[in-house]
Amino acid sequence: MTVTIYHNPKCGTSRNTLALIRNAGVEPTIVEYLTAPPDRDTLKSLIARSGLAVRDAIR
């Protein structure tokens, strides 16, 4: 299983989510989105795969 987390190390929720992933025995690919933001095509793909409306994905 490949897991990628778009992570903000200063955010408690993001840190907790990363810990949950690791506690499940998975070492994810970590993208610090504040220093390496995803491009437009990546965002479109992530939102489409999530099944969320754009407005819901932003929040």
N, C-alpha and C. Protein backbone atom coordinates (compact mmCIF):
# COMPACT_ATOMS: atom_id res chain seq x y z
N MET A 1 0.84 -1.17 0.00
CA MET A 1 0.00 0.00 0.00
C MET A 1 0.90 1.24 0.00
N THR A 2 0.58 2.18 -0.87
CA THR A 2 1.30 3.44 -0.92
C THR A 2 0.40 4.54 -0.37
N VAL A 3 0.91 5.26 0.60
CA VAL A 3 0.15 6.35 1.22
C VAL A 3 0.98 7.62 1.11
N THR A 4 0.32 8.69 0.70
CA THR A 4 0.95 10.01 0.65
C THR A 4 0.16 10.93 1.55
N ILE A 5 0.85 11.69 2.38
CA ILE A 5 0.20 12.67 3.23
C ILE A 5 0.76 14.05 2.86
N TYR A 6 -0.16 14.98 2.62
CA TYR A 6 0.21 16.39 2.41
C TYR A 6 0.21 16.99 3.80
N HIS A 7 1.39 17.27 4.30
CA HIS A 7 1.61 17.48 5.73
C HIS A 7 2.10 18.89 6.04
N ASN A 8 1.61 19.40 7.15
CA ASN A 8 2.10 20.65 7.73
C ASN A 8 2.61 20.30 9.12
N PRO A 9 3.92 20.24 9.33
CA PRO A 9 4.45 19.81 10.62
C PRO A 9 4.09 20.73 11.78
N LYS A 10 3.65 21.94 11.50
CA LYS A 10 3.24 22.86 12.57
C LYS A 10 1.79 22.66 12.98
N CYS A 11 1.05 21.83 12.26
CA CYS A 11 -0.38 21.61 12.52
C CYS A 11 -0.57 20.35 13.36
N GLY A 12 -1.23 20.50 14.48
CA GLY A 12 -1.46 19.37 15.37
C GLY A 12 -2.29 18.27 14.73
N THR A 13 -3.30 18.63 13.97
CA THR A 13 -4.13 17.63 13.30
C THR A 13 -3.30 16.85 12.29
N SER A 14 -2.45 17.55 11.55
CA SER A 14 -1.59 16.89 10.57
C SER A 14 -0.61 15.96 11.27
N ARG A 15 -0.01 16.41 12.37
CA ARG A 15 0.92 15.55 13.12
C ARG A 15 0.21 14.32 13.67
N ASN A 16 -1.01 14.50 14.18
CA ASN A 16 -1.78 13.37 14.71
C ASN A 16 -2.13 12.37 13.61
N THR A 17 -2.49 12.88 12.43
CA THR A 17 -2.82 12.01 11.31
C THR A 17 -1.59 11.22 10.87
N LEU A 18 -0.45 11.88 10.81
CA LEU A 18 0.79 11.19 10.47
C LEU A 18 1.09 10.10 11.49
N ALA A 19 0.88 10.38 12.75
CA ALA A 19 1.12 9.38 13.79
C ALA A 19 0.18 8.19 13.63
N LEU A 20 -1.08 8.44 13.30
CA LEU A 20 -2.04 7.34 13.09
C LEU A 20 -1.62 6.45 11.92
N ILE A 21 -1.16 7.08 10.85
CA ILE A 21 -0.70 6.31 9.69
C ILE A 21 0.49 5.44 10.09
N ARG A 22 1.43 6.03 10.78
CA ARG A 22 2.63 5.27 11.19
C ARG A 22 2.28 4.18 12.19
N ASN A 23 1.34 4.46 13.10
CA ASN A 23 0.93 3.45 14.08
C ASN A 23 0.24 2.26 13.40
N ALA A 24 -0.28 2.48 12.20
CA ALA A 24 -0.89 1.39 11.43
C ALA A 24 0.17 0.58 10.69
N GLY A 25 1.44 0.93 10.90
CA GLY A 25 2.53 0.18 10.29
C GLY A 25 2.88 0.62 8.88
N VAL A 26 2.45 1.82 8.52
CA VAL A 26 2.70 2.33 7.17
C VAL A 26 3.62 3.54 7.28
N GLU A 27 4.65 3.55 6.46
CA GLU A 27 5.51 4.74 6.39
C GLU A 27 5.13 5.48 5.11
N PRO A 28 4.42 6.60 5.27
CA PRO A 28 3.91 7.30 4.09
C PRO A 28 4.97 8.16 3.40
N THR A 29 4.68 8.50 2.18
CA THR A 29 5.42 9.55 1.49
C THR A 29 4.88 10.86 2.05
N ILE A 30 5.76 11.73 2.50
CA ILE A 30 5.35 12.98 3.13
C ILE A 30 5.67 14.14 2.19
N VAL A 31 4.65 14.93 1.90
CA VAL A 31 4.82 16.13 1.09
C VAL A 31 4.47 17.32 1.98
N GLU A 32 5.46 18.13 2.29
CA GLU A 32 5.19 19.34 3.08
C GLU A 32 4.65 20.39 2.12
N TYR A 33 3.32 20.48 2.06
CA TYR A 33 2.67 21.27 1.02
C TYR A 33 2.91 22.76 1.11
N LEU A 34 3.36 23.25 2.25
CA LEU A 34 3.64 24.69 2.36
C LEU A 34 4.95 25.05 1.65
N THR A 35 5.88 24.10 1.60
CA THR A 35 7.14 24.35 0.91
C THR A 35 7.17 23.74 -0.48
N ALA A 36 6.32 22.76 -0.74
CA ALA A 36 6.26 22.11 -2.05
C ALA A 36 4.79 21.90 -2.43
N PRO A 37 4.08 22.99 -2.75
CA PRO A 37 2.65 22.85 -3.03
C PRO A 37 2.39 22.04 -4.29
N PRO A 38 1.30 21.28 -4.28
CA PRO A 38 0.96 20.50 -5.47
C PRO A 38 0.54 21.44 -6.61
N ASP A 39 0.83 21.01 -7.84
CA ASP A 39 0.44 21.82 -8.99
C ASP A 39 -1.06 21.61 -9.29
N ARG A 40 -1.55 22.37 -10.23
CA ARG A 40 -2.98 22.36 -10.57
C ARG A 40 -3.45 20.96 -10.97
N ASP A 41 -2.68 20.27 -11.80
CA ASP A 41 -3.10 18.93 -12.25
C ASP A 41 -3.16 17.95 -11.09
N THR A 42 -2.21 18.04 -10.17
CA THR A 42 -2.22 17.16 -9.00
C THR A 42 -3.44 17.45 -8.14
N LEU A 43 -3.74 18.72 -7.91
CA LEU A 43 -4.92 19.07 -7.12
C LEU A 43 -6.20 18.55 -7.78
N LYS A 44 -6.30 18.74 -9.09
CA LYS A 44 -7.49 18.25 -9.80
C LYS A 44 -7.63 16.74 -9.64
N SER A 45 -6.53 16.03 -9.75
CA SER A 45 -6.55 14.58 -9.62
C SER A 45 -6.94 14.15 -8.20
N LEU A 46 -6.34 14.78 -7.20
CA LEU A 46 -6.65 14.43 -5.81
C LEU A 46 -8.12 14.67 -5.49
N ILE A 47 -8.65 15.81 -5.93
CA ILE A 47 -10.05 16.13 -5.65
C ILE A 47 -10.97 15.15 -6.38
N ALA A 48 -10.66 14.86 -7.63
CA ALA A 48 -11.49 13.91 -8.39
C ALA A 48 -11.49 12.53 -7.73
N ARG A 49 -10.31 12.06 -7.31
CA ARG A 49 -10.21 10.73 -6.69
C ARG A 49 -10.89 10.69 -5.34
N SER A 50 -10.98 11.83 -4.65
CA SER A 50 -11.59 11.85 -3.32
C SER A 50 -13.11 11.75 -3.38
N GLY A 51 -13.70 12.16 -4.52
CA GLY A 51 -15.15 12.16 -4.64
C GLY A 51 -15.80 13.36 -3.99
N LEU A 52 -15.00 14.31 -3.54
CA LEU A 52 -15.53 15.50 -2.89
C LEU A 52 -15.77 16.61 -3.90
N ALA A 53 -16.66 17.52 -3.54
CA ALA A 53 -16.80 18.75 -4.31
C ALA A 53 -15.60 19.62 -3.97
N VAL A 54 -15.22 20.50 -4.88
CA VAL A 54 -14.06 21.37 -4.66
C VAL A 54 -14.22 22.14 -3.35
N ARG A 55 -15.39 22.69 -3.12
CA ARG A 55 -15.63 23.46 -1.89
C ARG A 55 -15.38 22.62 -0.64
N ASP A 56 -15.81 21.38 -0.66
CA ASP A 56 -15.61 20.49 0.49
C ASP A 56 -14.14 20.11 0.65
N ALA A 57 -13.45 19.93 -0.46
CA ALA A 57 -12.04 19.57 -0.40
C ALA A 57 -11.19 20.71 0.17
N ILE A 58 -11.57 21.93 -0.11
CA ILE A 58 -10.81 23.08 0.38
C ILE A 58 -10.91 23.17 1.90
N ARG A 59 -12.02 22.91 2.43
CA ARG A 59 -12.18 22.97 3.88
C ARG A 59 -11.70 21.67 4.46
